[in-house]
Amino acid sequence: MTALFRCVGVGKRYGGVVALMDVSLDLEAGKVHGLIGPNGAGKSTFIDVASGRTPGLGQVFLDGRDITRTPPSLRRRMGVSRSFQRTSIFPALTIRDQLELAAHGVGGENISELVGMLALEPVLDTRAEEVSYGQQRLVDLALALVGNPRVLLLDEPAAGLSVAESQALAAHLEEIAERWNVATLLVEHDMDVVFRVCHVLTVLASGRWLVSGPPAELRNDPAVIRAYFGSAA
């Protein structure tokens, strides 16, 4: 299948420090591609470059079109959305106001469906600072999904969630990929979530590509165990 979102030779240097070097991966519509590795492996840096938030090396393509020099705001309107490690919501705004604000420029036709899928109805008119952390993370996900993006780049969406909340999030990610045919890149340390939802995994180590393949094959790969599972998460 042809990749909807393709990253070729992506890299990033900070002065003389190489944070990421020559990492390539393809995202397919309706599939979740996991990007894992120990802290400092370059996972968030990869998302920053792929989303256009940070300039870097390499090329990025959306449906065959080179968008390497396209600013992140335009990429969002083109259908490339992302989330951040930390919640990016506005504490003083209600959930409804934030969703409506996010709809400007990208459309909000799917807001009602998002609210229903993520069970946000009870807190729609509640300020974000007054809802639970787990609900805030769901609002983050909803904001990234407003406007029916074609590509979704998620940076540790399960961070700080309880086991039950992580399991619910995994179910949502499966539904998002399947129902809306979204090409998803998932950076995540929660291996239960990763092995449940990901169709393909790419492992980074020290800013470089280590291996890619089906999760079932990589679970017991000695190189993966040494680079990731044997390191502090």
Protein backbone atom coordinates (compact mmCIF):
# COMPACT_ATOMS: atom_id res chain seq x y z
CA MET A 1 0.00 0.00 0.00
CA THR A 2 1.24 3.50 -0.83
CA ALA A 3 2.17 5.59 2.20
CA LEU A 4 -0.07 8.55 2.93
CA PHE A 5 2.61 10.27 5.03
CA ARG A 6 6.27 9.63 4.29
CA CYS A 7 9.34 10.85 6.17
CA VAL A 8 12.69 10.34 4.44
CA GLY A 9 16.08 10.82 6.10
CA VAL A 10 14.71 12.96 8.92
CA GLY A 11 17.35 14.38 11.23
CA LYS A 12 18.08 17.19 13.66
CA ARG A 13 21.27 18.77 14.98
CA TYR A 14 21.62 21.19 17.86
CA GLY A 15 25.01 22.72 17.21
CA GLY A 16 27.42 19.81 17.36
CA VAL A 17 24.92 17.51 19.01
CA VAL A 18 23.10 15.02 16.78
CA ALA A 19 19.63 14.49 18.25
CA LEU A 20 18.28 12.55 15.28
CA MET A 21 19.93 11.18 12.16
CA ASP A 22 18.57 9.68 8.94
CA VAL A 23 15.27 8.24 10.20
CA SER A 24 12.71 7.21 7.58
CA LEU A 25 9.22 5.78 8.03
CA ASP A 26 5.91 5.51 6.20
CA LEU A 27 2.43 5.93 7.65
CA GLU A 28 -0.52 4.21 5.99
CA ALA A 29 -4.15 5.27 6.22
CA GLY A 30 -6.05 3.31 8.85
CA LYS A 31 -2.88 2.02 10.52
CA VAL A 32 -1.13 2.89 13.79
CA HIS A 33 2.67 3.03 13.54
CA GLY A 34 4.45 2.97 16.89
CA LEU A 35 7.71 4.85 17.46
CA ILE A 36 9.47 3.63 20.59
CA GLY A 37 12.84 3.83 22.29
CA PRO A 38 14.44 4.90 25.57
CA ASN A 39 14.46 8.48 26.78
CA GLY A 40 16.71 10.60 24.58
CA ALA A 41 16.25 8.33 21.56
CA GLY A 42 14.84 11.20 19.48
CA LYS A 43 11.15 10.27 19.36
CA SER A 44 9.70 13.68 20.23
CA THR A 45 12.31 15.36 18.05
CA PHE A 46 11.10 13.23 15.15
CA ILE A 47 7.51 14.38 15.67
CA ASP A 48 8.66 18.01 15.97
CA VAL A 49 10.41 17.80 12.59
CA ALA A 50 7.69 15.73 10.92
CA SER A 51 4.99 18.17 12.05
CA GLY A 52 7.00 21.21 10.91
CA ARG A 53 7.29 22.62 14.43
CA THR A 54 11.08 22.37 14.27
CA PRO A 55 13.17 22.69 11.09
CA GLY A 56 15.42 19.73 10.44
CA LEU A 57 17.04 17.51 7.86
CA GLY A 58 15.30 15.22 5.39
CA GLN A 59 12.01 15.40 3.54
CA VAL A 60 8.34 14.99 4.47
CA PHE A 61 5.63 14.00 1.99
CA LEU A 62 1.84 14.03 2.30
CA ASP A 63 0.11 11.89 -0.30
CA GLY A 64 3.14 12.25 -2.57
CA ARG A 65 3.41 16.03 -2.16
CA ASP A 66 6.61 17.44 -0.66
CA ILE A 67 5.58 19.49 2.40
CA THR A 68 9.06 19.75 3.94
CA ARG A 69 8.99 23.55 3.90
CA THR A 70 5.29 23.91 4.67
CA PRO A 71 4.67 25.67 8.03
CA PRO A 72 2.84 23.69 10.76
CA SER A 73 -0.29 25.85 10.60
CA LEU A 74 -0.72 25.06 6.91
CA ARG A 75 0.11 21.39 7.48
CA ARG A 76 -2.72 21.32 10.00
CA ARG A 77 -5.15 22.68 7.42
CA MET A 78 -3.83 20.10 4.95
CA GLY A 79 -4.71 17.35 7.42
CA VAL A 80 -1.56 16.76 9.47
CA SER A 81 -2.31 17.09 13.18
CA ARG A 82 -0.32 16.41 16.33
CA SER A 83 -0.53 16.29 20.10
CA PHE A 84 2.12 17.11 22.72
CA GLN A 85 3.58 15.30 25.72
CA ARG A 86 2.01 17.87 28.03
CA THR A 87 -1.60 18.91 27.74
CA SER A 88 -2.01 21.91 25.43
CA ILE A 89 -5.48 22.93 26.57
CA PHE A 90 -6.58 26.33 27.87
CA PRO A 91 -7.39 25.86 31.59
CA ALA A 92 -9.91 28.73 31.84
CA LEU A 93 -11.95 27.79 28.76
CA THR A 94 -14.76 25.25 28.71
CA ILE A 95 -14.29 22.09 26.71
CA ARG A 96 -16.96 23.27 24.25
CA ASP A 97 -15.21 26.61 23.70
CA GLN A 98 -11.88 24.91 23.07
CA LEU A 99 -13.31 22.54 20.50
CA GLU A 100 -15.05 25.39 18.72
CA LEU A 101 -11.86 27.45 18.79
CA ALA A 102 -9.89 24.56 17.31
CA ALA A 103 -12.44 24.30 14.50
CA HIS A 104 -11.54 27.70 13.06
CA GLY A 105 -9.63 27.12 9.85
CA VAL A 106 -9.99 23.34 9.82
CA GLY A 107 -13.75 22.82 10.16
CA GLY A 108 -15.74 21.39 13.02
CA GLU A 109 -18.14 19.01 11.31
CA ASN A 110 -16.94 16.07 13.42
CA ILE A 111 -17.10 17.74 16.85
CA SER A 112 -20.34 16.06 17.88
CA GLU A 113 -19.00 12.68 16.86
CA LEU A 114 -15.77 13.30 18.78
CA VAL A 115 -17.64 14.34 21.90
CA GLY A 116 -19.71 11.18 21.77
CA MET A 117 -16.80 8.84 21.05
CA LEU A 118 -14.62 10.27 23.83
CA ALA A 119 -17.53 10.57 26.30
CA LEU A 120 -17.00 14.30 26.83
CA GLU A 121 -20.69 15.28 26.98
CA PRO A 122 -20.82 15.55 30.80
CA VAL A 123 -17.94 18.06 30.88
CA LEU A 124 -18.61 20.06 27.71
CA ASP A 125 -19.52 23.22 29.63
CA THR A 126 -16.92 22.73 32.34
CA ARG A 127 -13.66 24.64 32.40
CA ALA A 128 -10.68 22.46 31.51
CA GLU A 129 -8.94 23.16 34.82
CA GLU A 130 -11.90 21.62 36.65
CA VAL A 131 -11.95 18.22 34.92
CA SER A 132 -9.76 15.23 35.75
CA TYR A 133 -6.32 14.80 34.21
CA GLY A 134 -7.56 11.79 32.27
CA GLN A 135 -10.35 13.89 30.77
CA GLN A 136 -7.85 16.64 29.93
CA ARG A 137 -5.83 14.12 27.94
CA LEU A 138 -8.99 13.13 26.06
CA VAL A 139 -9.65 16.79 25.32
CA ASP A 140 -6.11 17.01 23.94
CA LEU A 141 -6.90 14.09 21.65
CA ALA A 142 -10.20 15.65 20.60
CA LEU A 143 -8.50 18.94 19.75
CA ALA A 144 -6.03 17.09 17.53
CA LEU A 145 -8.90 15.32 15.76
CA VAL A 146 -11.10 18.33 15.06
CA GLY A 147 -11.51 18.77 11.31
CA ASN A 148 -10.97 15.10 10.41
CA PRO A 149 -7.18 15.11 9.93
CA ARG A 150 -5.70 12.50 7.63
CA VAL A 151 -2.50 12.14 9.66
CA LEU A 152 -2.24 12.12 13.46
CA LEU A 153 1.10 12.42 15.29
CA LEU A 154 0.68 11.55 18.97
CA ASP A 155 3.42 12.24 21.52
CA GLU A 156 2.86 10.07 24.62
CA PRO A 157 -0.93 10.46 24.90
CA ALA A 158 -1.07 7.94 27.77
CA ALA A 159 1.48 9.76 29.94
CA GLY A 160 0.17 10.12 33.49
CA LEU A 161 -2.94 8.01 32.94
CA SER A 162 -4.10 5.17 35.16
CA VAL A 163 -4.18 1.62 33.83
CA ALA A 164 -7.92 1.85 33.20
CA GLU A 165 -7.56 5.23 31.46
CA SER A 166 -4.73 3.88 29.29
CA GLN A 167 -6.85 0.91 28.26
CA ALA A 168 -9.72 3.24 27.34
CA LEU A 169 -7.33 5.42 25.35
CA ALA A 170 -6.07 2.38 23.45
CA ALA A 171 -9.63 1.52 22.49
CA HIS A 172 -10.17 5.07 21.24
CA LEU A 173 -6.99 4.94 19.13
CA GLU A 174 -8.08 1.69 17.53
CA GLU A 175 -11.47 3.19 16.72
CA ILE A 176 -9.97 6.40 15.33
CA ALA A 177 -7.67 4.56 12.94
CA GLU A 178 -10.40 2.22 11.73
CA ARG A 179 -13.44 4.52 11.66
CA TRP A 180 -11.78 7.57 10.13
CA ASN A 181 -8.97 5.84 8.23
CA VAL A 182 -6.39 8.05 9.93
CA ALA A 183 -2.68 7.39 9.47
CA THR A 184 -1.36 7.53 13.04
CA LEU A 185 2.14 7.77 14.49
CA LEU A 186 2.20 6.86 18.18
CA VAL A 187 5.11 7.72 20.47
CA GLU A 188 4.41 5.96 23.72
CA HIS A 189 6.15 4.37 26.72
CA ASP A 190 3.12 2.34 27.81
CA MET A 191 3.95 -0.98 26.17
CA ASP A 192 0.49 -2.41 26.85
CA VAL A 193 -0.96 0.37 24.69
CA VAL A 194 1.76 0.01 22.06
CA PHE A 195 1.38 -3.73 21.58
CA ARG A 196 -2.40 -3.51 21.59
CA VAL A 197 -2.91 -0.83 18.94
CA CYS A 198 0.18 -0.68 16.72
CA HIS A 199 0.33 -2.48 13.40
CA VAL A 200 4.02 -1.65 12.88
CA LEU A 201 6.80 -0.54 15.22
CA THR A 202 9.94 1.47 14.58
CA VAL A 203 12.57 1.48 17.32
CA LEU A 204 15.02 4.34 17.78
CA ALA A 205 18.23 4.26 19.82
CA SER A 206 20.55 7.23 20.33
CA GLY A 207 18.76 9.22 17.64
CA ARG A 208 19.06 6.56 14.97
CA TRP A 209 16.83 3.92 13.39
CA LEU A 210 17.40 0.53 14.96
CA VAL A 211 14.73 -1.76 13.54
CA SER A 212 11.15 -1.79 12.18
CA GLY A 213 8.60 -4.56 11.95
CA PRO A 214 5.42 -6.13 13.31
CA PRO A 215 5.08 -5.77 17.11
CA ALA A 216 4.88 -9.55 17.62
CA GLU A 217 8.27 -9.98 15.94
CA LEU A 218 9.99 -7.14 17.78
CA ARG A 219 8.71 -8.02 21.25
CA ASN A 220 11.47 -10.60 21.72
CA ASP A 221 14.10 -9.06 19.44
CA PRO A 222 17.42 -9.01 21.38
CA ALA A 223 18.41 -5.63 19.92
CA VAL A 224 15.09 -4.11 21.00
CA ILE A 225 15.35 -5.61 24.47
CA ARG A 226 18.87 -4.19 24.89
CA ALA A 227 18.01 -0.76 23.52
CA TYR A 228 14.62 -0.24 25.10
CA PHE A 229 13.27 -2.76 27.55
CA GLY A 230 16.56 -2.97 29.38
CA SER A 231 16.70 0.83 29.76
CA ALA A 232 14.77 3.16 32.02
CA ALA A 233 11.52 4.17 30.36
